[in-house]
Protein backbone atom coordinates (compact mmCIF):
# COMPACT_ATOMS: atom_id res chain seq x y z
CA MET A 1 2.19 21.21 26.72
CA SER A 2 1.86 17.88 24.87
CA ARG A 3 -0.79 15.44 26.09
CA GLY A 4 0.37 12.55 23.93
CA PRO A 5 2.92 9.89 24.89
CA ARG A 6 6.58 10.82 24.87
CA ALA A 7 8.96 9.04 22.53
CA ARG A 8 11.06 6.37 24.19
CA PRO A 9 14.20 4.64 22.83
CA ALA A 10 13.58 1.19 21.44
CA LEU A 11 15.48 -1.34 19.31
CA VAL A 12 14.05 -1.41 15.82
CA ASP A 13 15.77 -3.45 13.08
CA GLY A 14 18.99 -3.57 15.03
CA GLY A 15 19.19 0.13 15.75
CA THR A 16 17.78 2.46 18.37
CA GLN A 17 14.82 4.63 17.42
CA ALA A 18 12.38 6.88 19.21
CA VAL A 19 9.07 5.09 19.52
CA ARG A 20 5.82 6.39 20.96
CA ALA A 21 3.85 3.85 22.92
CA SER A 22 0.20 4.45 23.64
CA GLY A 23 -2.59 2.73 25.42
CA ARG A 24 -6.03 3.19 26.79
CA ARG A 25 -4.78 4.61 30.11
CA SER A 26 -2.58 7.47 31.10
CA SER A 27 -2.03 9.09 34.50
CA ASN A 28 0.38 11.34 36.39
CA ASP A 29 -0.56 9.52 39.64
CA GLY A 30 2.22 6.99 40.37
CA GLU A 31 0.15 5.00 42.85
CA LEU A 32 -2.65 4.63 40.36
CA VAL A 33 -0.26 3.39 37.66
CA ARG A 34 1.17 0.89 40.15
CA ALA A 35 -2.34 -0.35 41.00
CA TRP A 36 -3.13 -0.82 37.28
CA ALA A 37 0.06 -2.80 36.82
CA LEU A 38 -0.75 -4.99 39.87
CA ALA A 39 -4.33 -5.52 38.65
CA GLY A 40 -3.45 -7.47 35.54
CA PRO A 41 -1.10 -8.06 32.61
CA ARG A 42 0.06 -4.57 31.69
CA VAL A 43 3.26 -2.78 30.88
CA ALA A 44 3.98 0.31 32.96
CA GLN A 45 6.96 2.60 33.28
CA LYS A 46 7.68 3.13 36.98
CA SER A 47 10.57 4.14 39.16
CA PHE A 48 12.38 1.24 40.76
CA TRP A 49 11.85 2.98 44.12
CA ASP A 50 8.09 2.82 43.60
CA VAL A 51 7.96 -0.93 42.81
CA GLU A 52 11.03 -2.55 44.39
CA ARG A 53 8.94 -4.41 46.99
CA ASP A 54 6.53 -5.64 44.35
CA LEU A 55 9.40 -6.88 42.22
CA ALA A 56 11.03 -8.65 45.21
CA ALA A 57 7.74 -10.28 46.19
CA GLY A 58 7.09 -11.44 42.59
CA ARG A 59 3.90 -9.34 42.19
CA LEU A 60 5.54 -7.48 39.29
CA GLU A 61 8.08 -8.52 36.73
CA SER A 62 10.68 -6.20 35.15
CA VAL A 63 10.70 -6.23 31.34
CA LEU A 64 12.58 -4.22 28.70
CA ASN A 65 15.53 -3.90 31.00
CA ARG A 66 17.81 -2.97 28.10
CA PHE A 67 16.14 0.44 28.07
CA VAL A 68 16.43 1.22 31.80
CA ARG A 69 18.40 4.41 32.40
CA ALA A 70 19.44 6.27 35.49
CA ALA A 71 17.41 9.27 36.40
CA ASP A 72 18.78 12.45 37.86
CA LEU A 73 17.22 13.49 41.12
CA SER A 74 17.26 17.03 42.43
CA ILE A 75 15.69 18.18 45.66
CA VAL A 76 15.08 21.85 46.20
CA TYR A 77 13.84 23.34 49.44
CA PRO A 78 14.04 26.71 51.12
CA THR A 79 16.65 27.53 53.67
CA GLY A 80 15.54 27.97 57.28
CA ARG A 81 15.48 31.76 57.11
CA HIS A 82 12.74 31.62 54.48
CA LEU A 83 10.48 29.19 56.32
CA PRO A 84 7.42 30.71 57.99
CA ARG A 85 7.48 30.85 61.80
CA ARG A 86 5.42 28.23 63.55
CA ARG A 87 2.84 29.52 65.99
CA ALA A 88 2.06 27.72 69.20
CA ARG A 89 -1.61 26.98 69.82
């Protein structure tokens, strides 16, 4: 598993190229990344769902909108017959 930043599409010399952005901070905790973005001038990649209230309130500003892309969302959960029985206390 790679620990470095993933390549992201960016416009370079009029064409799209994969660019790796790096910084001093990295986290897989979405709330922590949101807190960093709110704490000062930073660029963070976040889901719109995570920051829509901050955007509407003016606490955050959306940048690099040309590179926003839709994300697929899949939810997987067991059917009822595979759930453990609840026991009454």
